[in-house]
Amino acid sequence: MATMNISLPEQMKTWAEAQAETGRYSNTSDYVRDLIRRDQERSEKIAAMQIKITEGLASGISPLSVDEILEKARAKALELGLTKS
């Protein structure tokens, strides 16, 4: 594993150490790695959402009414088990 030294303001250093002391993380490096992993996941989700937005914009205007669109969305959510009937 590569080593990297970073500089933090005292308040951030204290916070990171306190997070490690909770027992959830083995040390401050483990805490920082978790933060980076979460940021990577967040960035991937944002990129995926941006692709969907771009696709939506490129698809043009729907011939369906708002009520029809909502009904289709509700049906899809039921199909995927994302909501109860």
C-alpha atoms as a PDB file:
ATOM      1  CA  MET A   1       0.000   0.000   0.000  1.00  0.00           C
ATOM      2  CA  ALA A   2       1.335   3.428  -0.926  1.00  0.00           C
ATOM      3  CA  THR A   3       1.953   6.084   1.700  1.00  0.00           C
ATOM      4  CA  MET A   4       0.726   9.646   1.434  1.00  0.00           C
ATOM      5  CA  ASN A   5       1.246  12.487   3.854  1.00  0.00           C
ATOM      6  CA  ILE A   6      -1.412  15.175   4.083  1.00  0.00           C
ATOM      7  CA  SER A   7      -1.684  18.383   6.038  1.00  0.00           C
ATOM      8  CA  LEU A   8      -4.881  19.153   7.915  1.00  0.00           C
ATOM      9  CA  PRO A   9      -6.004  22.037  10.055  1.00  0.00           C
ATOM     10  CA  GLU A  10      -5.954  21.058  13.741  1.00  0.00           C
ATOM     11  CA  GLN A  11      -9.750  20.890  13.895  1.00  0.00           C
ATOM     12  CA  MET A  12      -9.905  18.355  11.037  1.00  0.00           C
ATOM     13  CA  LYS A  13      -7.070  16.298  12.510  1.00  0.00           C
ATOM     14  CA  THR A  14      -8.872  16.171  15.849  1.00  0.00           C
ATOM     15  CA  TRP A  15     -12.108  15.151  14.115  1.00  0.00           C
ATOM     16  CA  ALA A  16     -10.428  12.345  12.145  1.00  0.00           C
ATOM     17  CA  GLU A  17      -8.740  11.012  15.272  1.00  0.00           C
ATOM     18  CA  ALA A  18     -12.028  11.127  17.163  1.00  0.00           C
ATOM     19  CA  GLN A  19     -13.713   9.101  14.419  1.00  0.00           C
ATOM     20  CA  ALA A  20     -11.020   6.443  14.701  1.00  0.00           C
ATOM     21  CA  GLU A  21     -11.436   6.355  18.473  1.00  0.00           C
ATOM     22  CA  THR A  22     -15.131   5.467  18.181  1.00  0.00           C
ATOM     23  CA  GLY A  23     -14.066   1.942  17.279  1.00  0.00           C
ATOM     24  CA  ARG A  24     -15.673   2.016  13.839  1.00  0.00           C
ATOM     25  CA  TYR A  25     -12.253   2.586  12.260  1.00  0.00           C
ATOM     26  CA  SER A  26      -8.981   0.988  13.244  1.00  0.00           C
ATOM     27  CA  ASN A  27      -7.074   4.262  12.790  1.00  0.00           C
ATOM     28  CA  THR A  28      -7.266   7.643  11.078  1.00  0.00           C
ATOM     29  CA  SER A  29      -5.944   6.200   7.819  1.00  0.00           C
ATOM     30  CA  ASP A  30      -8.835   3.735   7.771  1.00  0.00           C
ATOM     31  CA  TYR A  31     -11.240   6.649   8.301  1.00  0.00           C
ATOM     32  CA  VAL A  32      -9.704   8.647   5.434  1.00  0.00           C
ATOM     33  CA  ARG A  33      -9.815   5.606   3.121  1.00  0.00           C
ATOM     34  CA  ASP A  34     -13.514   5.203   3.939  1.00  0.00           C
ATOM     35  CA  LEU A  35     -14.139   8.864   3.099  1.00  0.00           C
ATOM     36  CA  ILE A  36     -12.362   8.465  -0.228  1.00  0.00           C
ATOM     37  CA  ARG A  37     -14.323   5.285  -1.055  1.00  0.00           C
ATOM     38  CA  ARG A  38     -17.597   7.065  -0.295  1.00  0.00           C
ATOM     39  CA  ASP A  39     -16.564  10.028  -2.442  1.00  0.00           C
ATOM     40  CA  GLN A  40     -15.694   7.679  -5.305  1.00  0.00           C
ATOM     41  CA  GLU A  41     -19.107   6.005  -5.031  1.00  0.00           C
ATOM     42  CA  ARG A  42     -20.814   9.410  -4.921  1.00  0.00           C
ATOM     43  CA  SER A  43     -18.926  10.552  -8.017  1.00  0.00           C
ATOM     44  CA  GLU A  44     -19.918   7.375  -9.868  1.00  0.00           C
ATOM     45  CA  LYS A  45     -23.586   7.913  -8.949  1.00  0.00           C
ATOM     46  CA  ILE A  46     -23.436  11.535 -10.106  1.00  0.00           C
ATOM     47  CA  ALA A  47     -21.850  10.467 -13.412  1.00  0.00           C
ATOM     48  CA  ALA A  48     -24.547   7.815 -13.924  1.00  0.00           C
ATOM     49  CA  MET A  49     -27.257  10.358 -13.157  1.00  0.00           C
ATOM     50  CA  GLN A  50     -25.708  12.824 -15.590  1.00  0.00           C
ATOM     51  CA  ILE A  51     -25.845  10.156 -18.311  1.00  0.00           C
ATOM     52  CA  LYS A  52     -29.555   9.616 -17.577  1.00  0.00           C
ATOM     53  CA  ILE A  53     -30.191  13.376 -17.689  1.00  0.00           C
ATOM     54  CA  THR A  54     -28.373  13.671 -21.008  1.00  0.00           C
ATOM     55  CA  GLU A  55     -30.358  10.729 -22.415  1.00  0.00           C
ATOM     56  CA  GLY A  56     -33.585  12.286 -21.183  1.00  0.00           C
ATOM     57  CA  LEU A  57     -32.825  15.632 -22.755  1.00  0.00           C
ATOM     58  CA  ALA A  58     -31.856  13.958 -26.021  1.00  0.00           C
ATOM     59  CA  SER A  59     -35.061  11.904 -26.112  1.00  0.00           C
ATOM     60  CA  GLY A  60     -37.203  14.963 -26.723  1.00  0.00           C
ATOM     61  CA  ILE A  61     -40.666  15.807 -25.476  1.00  0.00           C
ATOM     62  CA  SER A  62     -42.901  12.929 -24.447  1.00  0.00           C
ATOM     63  CA  PRO A  63     -46.284  12.551 -26.114  1.00  0.00           C
ATOM     64  CA  LEU A  64     -47.646  11.334 -22.743  1.00  0.00           C
ATOM     65  CA  SER A  65     -49.430  13.555 -20.243  1.00  0.00           C
ATOM     66  CA  VAL A  66     -47.952  14.154 -16.795  1.00  0.00           C
ATOM     67  CA  ASP A  67     -50.558  11.804 -15.303  1.00  0.00           C
ATOM     68  CA  GLU A  68     -49.636   9.072 -17.802  1.00  0.00           C
ATOM     69  CA  ILE A  69     -45.945   9.492 -17.028  1.00  0.00           C
ATOM     70  CA  LEU A  70     -46.599   9.263 -13.284  1.00  0.00           C
ATOM     71  CA  GLU A  71     -48.757   6.176 -13.750  1.00  0.00           C
ATOM     72  CA  LYS A  72     -46.023   4.464 -15.770  1.00  0.00           C
ATOM     73  CA  ALA A  73     -43.470   5.391 -13.100  1.00  0.00           C
ATOM     74  CA  ARG A  74     -45.698   3.999 -10.336  1.00  0.00           C
ATOM     75  CA  ALA A  75     -46.236   0.777 -12.279  1.00  0.00           C
ATOM     76  CA  LYS A  76     -42.483   0.402 -12.826  1.00  0.00           C
ATOM     77  CA  ALA A  77     -41.802   1.019  -9.125  1.00  0.00           C
ATOM     78  CA  LEU A  78     -44.345  -1.686  -8.208  1.00  0.00           C
ATOM     79  CA  GLU A  79     -42.766  -4.044 -10.733  1.00  0.00           C
ATOM     80  CA  LEU A  80     -39.337  -3.476  -9.190  1.00  0.00           C
ATOM     81  CA  GLY A  81     -40.671  -3.822  -5.653  1.00  0.00           C
ATOM     82  CA  LEU A  82     -39.730  -0.243  -4.784  1.00  0.00           C
ATOM     83  CA  THR A  83     -43.171   0.535  -3.371  1.00  0.00           C
ATOM     84  CA  LYS A  84     -46.238  -1.217  -2.015  1.00  0.00           C
ATOM     85  CA  SER A  85     -49.511  -1.374  -3.926  1.00  0.00           C
END
